[in-house]
Amino acid sequence: MAIRTTKWDAADFLTSDEAIAAYLEAALEDGEPKVVAAALGDIARVKGMSTIAKDAGVTREALYKALSEKGDPKLSTLLGVMKALGLRFNVSTAKQAA
């Protein structure tokens, strides 16, 4: 019997502010810039890419490009998107390995 699969989309699970914050926090902990950009892209899709782009001060096309798999958003774009999403960064010290 063949295994049936469906496409998984993180946006389907970003149904609350808490879920969105946890998702982005996990992406940030990963430390890979493309993972963070992709997570922000997923969140922006949930919230409405056009609205987020407008609030972040970029075009919708530029936002899609910046948050795509091949994108490399500028810090100003990331900060604008975070503000438009109503999110903020918190800084803490990294725990050193024992």
PDB file of N, CA and C in Angstrom:
ATOM      1  N   MET A   1       0.838  -1.175   0.000  1.00  0.00           N
ATOM      2  CA  MET A   1       0.000   0.000   0.000  1.00  0.00           C
ATOM      3  C   MET A   1       0.885   1.241   0.000  1.00  0.00           C
ATOM      4  N   ALA A   2       0.611   2.165  -0.909  1.00  0.00           N
ATOM      5  CA  ALA A   2       1.399   3.385  -1.035  1.00  0.00           C
ATOM      6  C   ALA A   2       1.053   4.355   0.098  1.00  0.00           C
ATOM      7  N   ILE A   3       2.050   5.075   0.517  1.00  0.00           N
ATOM      8  CA  ILE A   3       1.865   6.091   1.547  1.00  0.00           C
ATOM      9  C   ILE A   3       1.423   7.382   0.870  1.00  0.00           C
ATOM     10  N   ARG A   4       0.345   7.958   1.370  1.00  0.00           N
ATOM     11  CA  ARG A   4      -0.141   9.231   0.844  1.00  0.00           C
ATOM     12  C   ARG A   4       0.374  10.357   1.730  1.00  0.00           C
ATOM     13  N   THR A   5       0.879  11.389   1.102  1.00  0.00           N
ATOM     14  CA  THR A   5       1.363  12.538   1.846  1.00  0.00           C
ATOM     15  C   THR A   5       0.683  13.797   1.322  1.00  0.00           C
ATOM     16  N   THR A   6       0.705  14.824   2.129  1.00  0.00           N
ATOM     17  CA  THR A   6       0.212  16.132   1.718  1.00  0.00           C
ATOM     18  C   THR A   6       1.297  17.156   1.990  1.00  0.00           C
ATOM     19  N   LYS A   7       1.229  18.255   1.277  1.00  0.00           N
ATOM     20  CA  LYS A   7       2.221  19.307   1.471  1.00  0.00           C
ATOM     21  C   LYS A   7       2.018  19.952   2.837  1.00  0.00           C
ATOM     22  N   TRP A   8       3.105  20.087   3.575  1.00  0.00           N
ATOM     23  CA  TRP A   8       3.060  20.705   4.888  1.00  0.00           C
ATOM     24  C   TRP A   8       3.348  22.194   4.732  1.00  0.00           C
ATOM     25  N   ASP A   9       2.534  23.022   5.351  1.00  0.00           N
ATOM     26  CA  ASP A   9       2.717  24.472   5.302  1.00  0.00           C
ATOM     27  C   ASP A   9       2.647  25.002   6.722  1.00  0.00           C
ATOM     28  N   ALA A  10       3.736  25.578   7.171  1.00  0.00           N
ATOM     29  CA  ALA A  10       3.796  26.113   8.541  1.00  0.00           C
ATOM     30  C   ALA A  10       2.684  27.116   8.794  1.00  0.00           C
ATOM     31  N   ALA A  11       2.289  27.844   7.770  1.00  0.00           N
ATOM     32  CA  ALA A  11       1.255  28.870   7.934  1.00  0.00           C
ATOM     33  C   ALA A  11      -0.052  28.279   8.452  1.00  0.00           C
ATOM     34  N   ASP A  12      -0.306  27.016   8.169  1.00  0.00           N
ATOM     35  CA  ASP A  12      -1.529  26.366   8.640  1.00  0.00           C
ATOM     36  C   ASP A  12      -1.579  26.262  10.162  1.00  0.00           C
ATOM     37  N   PHE A  13      -0.429  26.355  10.808  1.00  0.00           N
ATOM     38  CA  PHE A  13      -0.346  26.163  12.254  1.00  0.00           C
ATOM     39  C   PHE A  13      -0.104  27.466  13.014  1.00  0.00           C
ATOM     40  N   LEU A  14       0.038  28.562  12.296  1.00  0.00           N
ATOM     41  CA  LEU A  14       0.305  29.853  12.926  1.00  0.00           C
ATOM     42  C   LEU A  14      -1.017  30.572  13.177  1.00  0.00           C
ATOM     43  N   THR A  15      -1.775  30.016  14.114  1.00  0.00           N
ATOM     44  CA  THR A  15      -3.145  30.468  14.342  1.00  0.00           C
ATOM     45  C   THR A  15      -3.296  31.372  15.564  1.00  0.00           C
ATOM     46  N   SER A  16      -2.222  31.624  16.278  1.00  0.00           N
ATOM     47  CA  SER A  16      -2.289  32.504  17.445  1.00  0.00           C
ATOM     48  C   SER A  16      -0.990  33.295  17.556  1.00  0.00           C
ATOM     49  N   ASP A  17      -1.046  34.385  18.305  1.00  0.00           N
ATOM     50  CA  ASP A  17       0.166  35.180  18.523  1.00  0.00           C
ATOM     51  C   ASP A  17       1.239  34.360  19.226  1.00  0.00           C
ATOM     52  N   GLU A  18       0.818  33.474  20.122  1.00  0.00           N
ATOM     53  CA  GLU A  18       1.771  32.632  20.845  1.00  0.00           C
ATOM     54  C   GLU A  18       2.464  31.652  19.895  1.00  0.00           C
ATOM     55  N   ALA A  19       1.696  31.069  18.979  1.00  0.00           N
ATOM     56  CA  ALA A  19       2.272  30.132  18.006  1.00  0.00           C
ATOM     57  C   ALA A  19       3.247  30.856  17.084  1.00  0.00           C
ATOM     58  N   ILE A  20       2.878  32.065  16.672  1.00  0.00           N
ATOM     59  CA  ILE A  20       3.759  32.856  15.810  1.00  0.00           C
ATOM     60  C   ILE A  20       5.058  33.188  16.535  1.00  0.00           C
ATOM     61  N   ALA A  21       4.964  33.625  17.782  1.00  0.00           N
ATOM     62  CA  ALA A  21       6.158  33.973  18.556  1.00  0.00           C
ATOM     63  C   ALA A  21       7.051  32.753  18.766  1.00  0.00           C
ATOM     64  N   ALA A  22       6.473  31.610  19.080  1.00  0.00           N
ATOM     65  CA  ALA A  22       7.262  30.394  19.292  1.00  0.00           C
ATOM     66  C   ALA A  22       7.948  29.955  18.002  1.00  0.00           C
ATOM     67  N   TYR A  23       7.236  30.061  16.881  1.00  0.00           N
ATOM     68  CA  TYR A  23       7.792  29.684  15.577  1.00  0.00           C
ATOM     69  C   TYR A  23       8.996  30.562  15.229  1.00  0.00           C
ATOM     70  N   LEU A  24       8.844  31.868  15.397  1.00  0.00           N
ATOM     71  CA  LEU A  24       9.953  32.771  15.085  1.00  0.00           C
ATOM     72  C   LEU A  24      11.102  32.585  16.066  1.00  0.00           C
ATOM     73  N   GLU A  25      10.795  32.361  17.320  1.00  0.00           N
ATOM     74  CA  GLU A  25      11.853  32.126  18.317  1.00  0.00           C
ATOM     75  C   GLU A  25      12.665  30.886  17.956  1.00  0.00           C
ATOM     76  N   ALA A  26      11.999  29.832  17.524  1.00  0.00           N
ATOM     77  CA  ALA A  26      12.706  28.608  17.115  1.00  0.00           C
ATOM     78  C   ALA A  26      13.587  28.884  15.903  1.00  0.00           C
ATOM     79  N   ALA A  27      13.092  29.674  14.959  1.00  0.00           N
ATOM     80  CA  ALA A  27      13.888  30.016  13.782  1.00  0.00           C
ATOM     81  C   ALA A  27      15.121  30.822  14.173  1.00  0.00           C
ATOM     82  N   LEU A  28      14.947  31.753  15.101  1.00  0.00           N
ATOM     83  CA  LEU A  28      16.078  32.557  15.554  1.00  0.00           C
ATOM     84  C   LEU A  28      17.101  31.709  16.304  1.00  0.00           C
ATOM     85  N   GLU A  29      16.627  30.759  17.089  1.00  0.00           N
ATOM     86  CA  GLU A  29      17.541  29.875  17.819  1.00  0.00           C
ATOM     87  C   GLU A  29      18.336  29.002  16.869  1.00  0.00           C
ATOM     88  N   ASP A  30      17.752  28.664  15.723  1.00  0.00           N
ATOM     89  CA  ASP A  30      18.465  27.890  14.713  1.00  0.00           C
ATOM     90  C   ASP A  30      19.705  28.641  14.249  1.00  0.00           C
ATOM     91  N   GLY A  31      19.579  29.958  14.115  1.00  0.00           N
ATOM     92  CA  GLY A  31      20.727  30.785  13.771  1.00  0.00           C
ATOM     93  C   GLY A  31      21.017  30.901  12.290  1.00  0.00           C
ATOM     94  N   GLU A  32      20.263  30.224  11.450  1.00  0.00           N
ATOM     95  CA  GLU A  32      20.485  30.272  10.004  1.00  0.00           C
ATOM     96  C   GLU A  32      19.647  31.409   9.421  1.00  0.00           C
ATOM     97  N   PRO A  33      20.285  32.404   8.794  1.00  0.00           N
ATOM     98  CA  PRO A  33      19.538  33.550   8.272  1.00  0.00           C
ATOM     99  C   PRO A  33      18.391  33.175   7.334  1.00  0.00           C
ATOM    100  N   LYS A  34      18.578  32.187   6.492  1.00  0.00           N
ATOM    101  CA  LYS A  34      17.523  31.790   5.561  1.00  0.00           C
ATOM    102  C   LYS A  34      16.329  31.177   6.286  1.00  0.00           C
ATOM    103  N   VAL A  35      16.573  30.521   7.409  1.00  0.00           N
ATOM    104  CA  VAL A  35      15.486  29.958   8.207  1.00  0.00           C
ATOM    105  C   VAL A  35      14.665  31.088   8.835  1.00  0.00           C
ATOM    106  N   VAL A  36      15.345  32.105   9.325  1.00  0.00           N
ATOM    107  CA  VAL A  36      14.657  33.259   9.923  1.00  0.00           C
ATOM    108  C   VAL A  36      13.839  33.983   8.858  1.00  0.00           C
ATOM    109  N   ALA A  37      14.439  34.209   7.696  1.00  0.00           N
ATOM    110  CA  ALA A  37      13.722  34.891   6.618  1.00  0.00           C
ATOM    111  C   ALA A  37      12.507  34.084   6.185  1.00  0.00           C
ATOM    112  N   ALA A  38      12.662  32.775   6.068  1.00  0.00           N
ATOM    113  CA  ALA A  38      11.538  31.924   5.664  1.00  0.00           C
ATOM    114  C   ALA A  38      10.427  31.954   6.713  1.00  0.00           C
ATOM    115  N   ALA A  39      10.796  31.942   7.987  1.00  0.00           N
ATOM    116  CA  ALA A  39       9.799  32.006   9.060  1.00  0.00           C
ATOM    117  C   ALA A  39       9.047  33.330   9.007  1.00  0.00           C
ATOM    118  N   LEU A  40       9.764  34.427   8.803  1.00  0.00           N
ATOM    119  CA  LEU A  40       9.104  35.724   8.675  1.00  0.00           C
ATOM    120  C   LEU A  40       8.184  35.745   7.458  1.00  0.00           C
ATOM    121  N   GLY A  41       8.615  35.084   6.389  1.00  0.00           N
ATOM    122  CA  GLY A  41       7.777  34.989   5.197  1.00  0.00           C
ATOM    123  C   GLY A  41       6.493  34.223   5.467  1.00  0.00           C
ATOM    124  N   ASP A  42       6.601  33.125   6.202  1.00  0.00           N
ATOM    125  CA  ASP A  42       5.407  32.346   6.565  1.00  0.00           C
ATOM    126  C   ASP A  42       4.449  33.183   7.403  1.00  0.00           C
ATOM    127  N   ILE A  43       5.003  33.907   8.360  1.00  0.00           N
ATOM    128  CA  ILE A  43       4.180  34.727   9.250  1.00  0.00           C
ATOM    129  C   ILE A  43       3.531  35.868   8.458  1.00  0.00           C
ATOM    130  N   ALA A  44       4.296  36.487   7.573  1.00  0.00           N
ATOM    131  CA  ALA A  44       3.754  37.579   6.762  1.00  0.00           C
ATOM    132  C   ALA A  44       2.626  37.084   5.862  1.00  0.00           C
ATOM    133  N   ARG A  45       2.741  35.864   5.331  1.00  0.00           N
ATOM    134  CA  ARG A  45       1.665  35.306   4.512  1.00  0.00           C
ATOM    135  C   ARG A  45       0.391  35.145   5.328  1.00  0.00           C
ATOM    136  N   VAL A  46       0.544  34.703   6.582  1.00  0.00           N
ATOM    137  CA  VAL A  46      -0.614  34.528   7.456  1.00  0.00           C
ATOM    138  C   VAL A  46      -1.280  35.875   7.742  1.00  0.00           C
ATOM    139  N   LYS A  47      -0.476  36.881   7.994  1.00  0.00           N
ATOM    140  CA  LYS A  47      -0.997  38.200   8.370  1.00  0.00           C
ATOM    141  C   LYS A  47      -1.442  39.026   7.169  1.00  0.00           C
ATOM    142  N   GLY A  48      -1.000  38.635   5.977  1.00  0.00           N
ATOM    143  CA  GLY A  48      -1.339  39.382   4.761  1.00  0.00           C
ATOM    144  C   GLY A  48      -0.117  40.080   4.212  1.00  0.00           C
ATOM    145  N   MET A  49       0.463  39.497   3.180  1.00  0.00           N
ATOM    146  CA  MET A  49       1.722  40.000   2.637  1.00  0.00           C
ATOM    147  C   MET A  49       1.618  41.460   2.187  1.00  0.00           C
ATOM    148  N   SER A  50       0.524  41.837   1.553  1.00  0.00           N
ATOM    149  CA  SER A  50       0.376  43.218   1.074  1.00  0.00           C
ATOM    150  C   SER A  50       0.363  44.215   2.226  1.00  0.00           C
ATOM    151  N   THR A  51      -0.369  43.884   3.270  1.00  0.00           N
ATOM    152  CA  THR A  51      -0.446  44.765   4.437  1.00  0.00           C
ATOM    153  C   THR A  51       0.901  44.881   5.125  1.00  0.00           C
ATOM    154  N   ILE A  52       1.574  43.756   5.305  1.00  0.00           N
ATOM    155  CA  ILE A  52       2.886  43.771   5.969  1.00  0.00           C
ATOM    156  C   ILE A  52       3.888  44.553   5.138  1.00  0.00           C
ATOM    157  N   ALA A  53       3.880  44.354   3.822  1.00  0.00           N
ATOM    158  CA  ALA A  53       4.803  45.082   2.946  1.00  0.00           C
ATOM    159  C   ALA A  53       4.581  46.583   3.063  1.00  0.00           C
ATOM    160  N   LYS A  54       3.315  46.993   3.008  1.00  0.00           N
ATOM    161  CA  LYS A  54       2.992  48.415   3.111  1.00  0.00           C
ATOM    162  C   LYS A  54       3.462  48.979   4.444  1.00  0.00           C
ATOM    163  N   ASP A  55       3.155  48.278   5.531  1.00  0.00           N
ATOM    164  CA  ASP A  55       3.536  48.744   6.865  1.00  0.00           C
ATOM    165  C   ASP A  55       5.052  48.732   7.064  1.00  0.00           C
ATOM    166  N   ALA A  56       5.758  47.837   6.361  1.00  0.00           N
ATOM    167  CA  ALA A  56       7.213  47.749   6.475  1.00  0.00           C
ATOM    168  C   ALA A  56       7.924  48.725   5.543  1.00  0.00           C
ATOM    169  N   GLY A  57       7.157  49.353   4.642  1.00  0.00           N
ATOM    170  CA  GLY A  57       7.747  50.345   3.752  1.00  0.00           C
ATOM    171  C   GLY A  57       8.436  49.769   2.531  1.00  0.00           C
ATOM    172  N   VAL A  58       8.005  48.587   2.105  1.00  0.00           N
ATOM    173  CA  VAL A  58       8.560  47.965   0.896  1.00  0.00           C
ATOM    174  C   VAL A  58       7.403  47.504   0.012  1.00  0.00           C
ATOM    175  N   THR A  59       7.712  47.220  -1.240  1.00  0.00           N
ATOM    176  CA  THR A  59       6.668  46.699  -2.116  1.00  0.00           C
ATOM    177  C   THR A  59       6.409  45.233  -1.782  1.00  0.00           C
ATOM    178  N   ARG A  60       5.233  44.771  -2.154  1.00  0.00           N
ATOM    179  CA  ARG A  60       4.884  43.370  -1.917  1.00  0.00           C
ATOM    180  C   ARG A  60       5.871  42.456  -2.644  1.00  0.00           C
ATOM    181  N   GLU A  61       6.210  42.811  -3.867  1.00  0.00           N
ATOM    182  CA  GLU A  61       7.151  42.000  -4.649  1.00  0.00           C
ATOM    183  C   GLU A  61       8.523  41.950  -3.981  1.00  0.00           C
ATOM    184  N   ALA A  62       8.972  43.101  -3.478  1.00  0.00           N
ATOM    185  CA  ALA A  62      10.275  43.146  -2.799  1.00  0.00           C
ATOM    186  C   ALA A  62      10.250  42.306  -1.528  1.00  0.00           C
ATOM    187  N   LEU A  63       9.124  42.318  -0.832  1.00  0.00           N
ATOM    188  CA  LEU A  63       9.020  41.529   0.395  1.00  0.00           C
ATOM    189  C   LEU A  63       9.034  40.039   0.077  1.00  0.00           C
ATOM    190  N   TYR A  64       8.277  39.628  -0.933  1.00  0.00           N
ATOM    191  CA  TYR A  64       8.319  38.219  -1.346  1.00  0.00           C
ATOM    192  C   TYR A  64       9.737  37.806  -1.696  1.00  0.00           C
ATOM    193  N   LYS A  65      10.435  38.649  -2.448  1.00  0.00           N
ATOM    194  CA  LYS A  65      11.803  38.333  -2.866  1.00  0.00           C
ATOM    195  C   LYS A  65      12.742  38.253  -1.661  1.00  0.00           C
ATOM    196  N   ALA A  66      12.643  39.229  -0.764  1.00  0.00           N
ATOM    197  CA  ALA A  66      13.538  39.268   0.405  1.00  0.00           C
ATOM    198  C   ALA A  66      13.333  38.069   1.318  1.00  0.00           C
ATOM    199  N   LEU A  67      12.075  37.617   1.443  1.00  0.00           N
ATOM    200  CA  LEU A  67      11.778  36.526   2.369  1.00  0.00           C
ATOM    201  C   LEU A  67      11.666  35.173   1.676  1.00  0.00           C
ATOM    202  N   SER A  68      12.120  35.109   0.435  1.00  0.00           N
ATOM    203  CA  SER A  68      12.094  33.846  -0.297  1.00  0.00           C
ATOM    204  C   SER A  68      13.294  32.988   0.081  1.00  0.00           C
ATOM    205  N   GLU A  69      13.305  31.774  -0.430  1.00  0.00           N
ATOM    206  CA  GLU A  69      14.403  30.844  -0.156  1.00  0.00           C
ATOM    207  C   GLU A  69      15.748  31.401  -0.619  1.00  0.00           C
ATOM    208  N   LYS A  70      15.740  32.160  -1.694  1.00  0.00           N
ATOM    209  CA  LYS A  70      16.985  32.738  -2.224  1.00  0.00           C
ATOM    210  C   LYS A  70      17.207  34.169  -1.763  1.00  0.00           C
ATOM    211  N   GLY A  71      16.283  34.697  -0.996  1.00  0.00           N
ATOM    212  CA  GLY A  71      16.371  36.088  -0.557  1.00  0.00           C
ATOM    213  C   GLY A  71      17.426  36.291   0.512  1.00  0.00           C
ATOM    214  N   ASP A  72      17.845  37.525   0.643  1.00  0.00           N
ATOM    215  CA  ASP A  72      18.809  37.917   1.670  1.00  0.00           C
ATOM    216  C   ASP A  72      18.414  39.321   2.134  1.00  0.00           C
ATOM    217  N   PRO A  73      17.391  39.396   2.988  1.00  0.00           N
ATOM    218  CA  PRO A  73      16.856  40.711   3.356  1.00  0.00           C
ATOM    219  C   PRO A  73      17.852  41.552   4.136  1.00  0.00           C
ATOM    220  N   LYS A  74      17.749  42.855   3.902  1.00  0.00           N
ATOM    221  CA  LYS A  74      18.561  43.803   4.653  1.00  0.00           C
ATOM    222  C   LYS A  74      18.009  43.901   6.071  1.00  0.00           C
ATOM    223  N   LEU A  75      18.840  44.356   6.970  1.00  0.00           N
ATOM    224  CA  LEU A  75      18.424  44.529   8.357  1.00  0.00           C
ATOM    225  C   LEU A  75      17.238  45.487   8.444  1.00  0.00           C
ATOM    226  N   SER A  76      17.247  46.527   7.648  1.00  0.00           N
ATOM    227  CA  SER A  76      16.134  47.482   7.685  1.00  0.00           C
ATOM    228  C   SER A  76      14.824  46.812   7.276  1.00  0.00           C
ATOM    229  N   THR A  77      14.885  45.887   6.339  1.00  0.00           N
ATOM    230  CA  THR A  77      13.687  45.154   5.929  1.00  0.00           C
ATOM    231  C   THR A  77      13.213  44.244   7.054  1.00  0.00           C
ATOM    232  N   LEU A  78      14.135  43.516   7.668  1.00  0.00           N
ATOM    233  CA  LEU A  78      13.773  42.631   8.777  1.00  0.00           C
ATOM    234  C   LEU A  78      13.142  43.406   9.927  1.00  0.00           C
ATOM    235  N   LEU A  79      13.744  44.529  10.277  1.00  0.00           N
ATOM    236  CA  LEU A  79      13.204  45.327  11.371  1.00  0.00           C
ATOM    237  C   LEU A  79      11.839  45.904  11.006  1.00  0.00           C
ATOM    238  N   GLY A  80      11.680  46.323   9.760  1.00  0.00           N
ATOM    239  CA  GLY A  80      10.395  46.836   9.311  1.00  0.00           C
ATOM    240  C   GLY A  80       9.311  45.773   9.348  1.00  0.00           C
ATOM    241  N   VAL A  81       9.658  44.559   8.936  1.00  0.00           N
ATOM    242  CA  VAL A  81       8.699  43.454   8.955  1.00  0.00           C
ATOM    243  C   VAL A  81       8.343  43.099  10.393  1.00  0.00           C
ATOM    244  N   MET A  82       9.335  43.036  11.257  1.00  0.00           N
ATOM    245  CA  MET A  82       9.066  42.729  12.664  1.00  0.00           C
ATOM    246  C   MET A  82       8.108  43.765  13.256  1.00  0.00           C
ATOM    247  N   LYS A  83       8.344  45.034  12.979  1.00  0.00           N
ATOM    248  CA  LYS A  83       7.476  46.088  13.495  1.00  0.00           C
ATOM    249  C   LYS A  83       6.071  45.960  12.910  1.00  0.00           C
ATOM    250  N   ALA A  84       5.982  45.707  11.615  1.00  0.00           N
ATOM    251  CA  ALA A  84       4.684  45.558  10.958  1.00  0.00           C
ATOM    252  C   ALA A  84       3.909  44.366  11.500  1.00  0.00           C
ATOM    253  N   LEU A  85       4.610  43.326  11.918  1.00  0.00           N
ATOM    254  CA  LEU A  85       3.972  42.143  12.483  1.00  0.00           C
ATOM    255  C   LEU A  85       3.628  42.317  13.964  1.00  0.00           C
ATOM    256  N   GLY A  86       4.086  43.416  14.553  1.00  0.00           N
ATOM    257  CA  GLY A  86       3.832  43.627  15.976  1.00  0.00           C
ATOM    258  C   GLY A  86       4.728  42.768  16.850  1.00  0.00           C
ATOM    259  N   LEU A  87       5.900  42.424  16.316  1.00  0.00           N
ATOM    260  CA  LEU A  87       6.859  41.588  17.049  1.00  0.00           C
ATOM    261  C   LEU A  87       8.102  42.407  17.361  1.00  0.00           C
ATOM    262  N   ARG A  88       8.869  41.949  18.320  1.00  0.00           N
ATOM    263  CA  ARG A  88      10.138  42.598  18.625  1.00  0.00           C
ATOM    264  C   ARG A  88      11.164  41.559  19.030  1.00  0.00           C
ATOM    265  N   PHE A  89      12.410  41.933  18.861  1.00  0.00           N
ATOM    266  CA  PHE A  89      13.520  41.072  19.258  1.00  0.00           C
ATOM    267  C   PHE A  89      13.834  41.311  20.720  1.00  0.00           C
ATOM    268  N   ASN A  90      14.239  40.257  21.418  1.00  0.00           N
ATOM    269  CA  ASN A  90      14.756  40.354  22.781  1.00  0.00           C
ATOM    270  C   ASN A  90      16.145  39.758  22.778  1.00  0.00           C
ATOM    271  N   VAL A  91      17.032  40.356  23.533  1.00  0.00           N
ATOM    272  CA  VAL A  91      18.416  39.913  23.552  1.00  0.00           C
ATOM    273  C   VAL A  91      18.729  39.286  24.908  1.00  0.00           C
ATOM    274  N   SER A  92      19.419  38.160  24.867  1.00  0.00           N
ATOM    275  CA  SER A  92      19.905  37.523  26.092  1.00  0.00           C
ATOM    276  C   SER A  92      21.276  36.944  25.785  1.00  0.00           C
ATOM    277  N   THR A  93      22.007  36.627  26.814  1.00  0.00           N
ATOM    278  CA  THR A  93      23.321  36.048  26.610  1.00  0.00           C
ATOM    279  C   THR A  93      23.183  34.583  26.217  1.00  0.00           C
ATOM    280  N   ALA A  94      24.115  34.133  25.410  1.00  0.00           N
ATOM    281  CA  ALA A  94      24.134  32.729  25.009  1.00  0.00           C
ATOM    282  C   ALA A  94      24.713  31.909  26.148  1.00  0.00           C
ATOM    283  N   LYS A  95      24.152  30.748  26.368  1.00  0.00           N
ATOM    284  CA  LYS A  95      24.667  29.865  27.420  1.00  0.00           C
ATOM    285  C   LYS A  95      25.903  29.159  26.888  1.00  0.00           C
ATOM    286  N   GLN A  96      26.943  29.165  27.685  1.00  0.00           N
ATOM    287  CA  GLN A  96      28.182  28.501  27.260  1.00  0.00           C
ATOM    288  C   GLN A  96      28.106  27.017  27.573  1.00  0.00           C
ATOM    289  N   ALA A  97      28.664  26.223  26.669  1.00  0.00           N
ATOM    290  CA  ALA A  97      28.678  24.768  26.870  1.00  0.00           C
ATOM    291  C   ALA A  97      29.584  24.424  28.046  1.00  0.00           C
ATOM    292  N   ALA A  98      29.192  23.433  28.791  1.00  0.00           N
ATOM    293  CA  ALA A  98      29.955  23.042  29.978  1.00  0.00           C
ATOM    294  C   ALA A  98      31.191  22.275  29.620  1.00  0.00           C
TER     295      ALA A  98
END
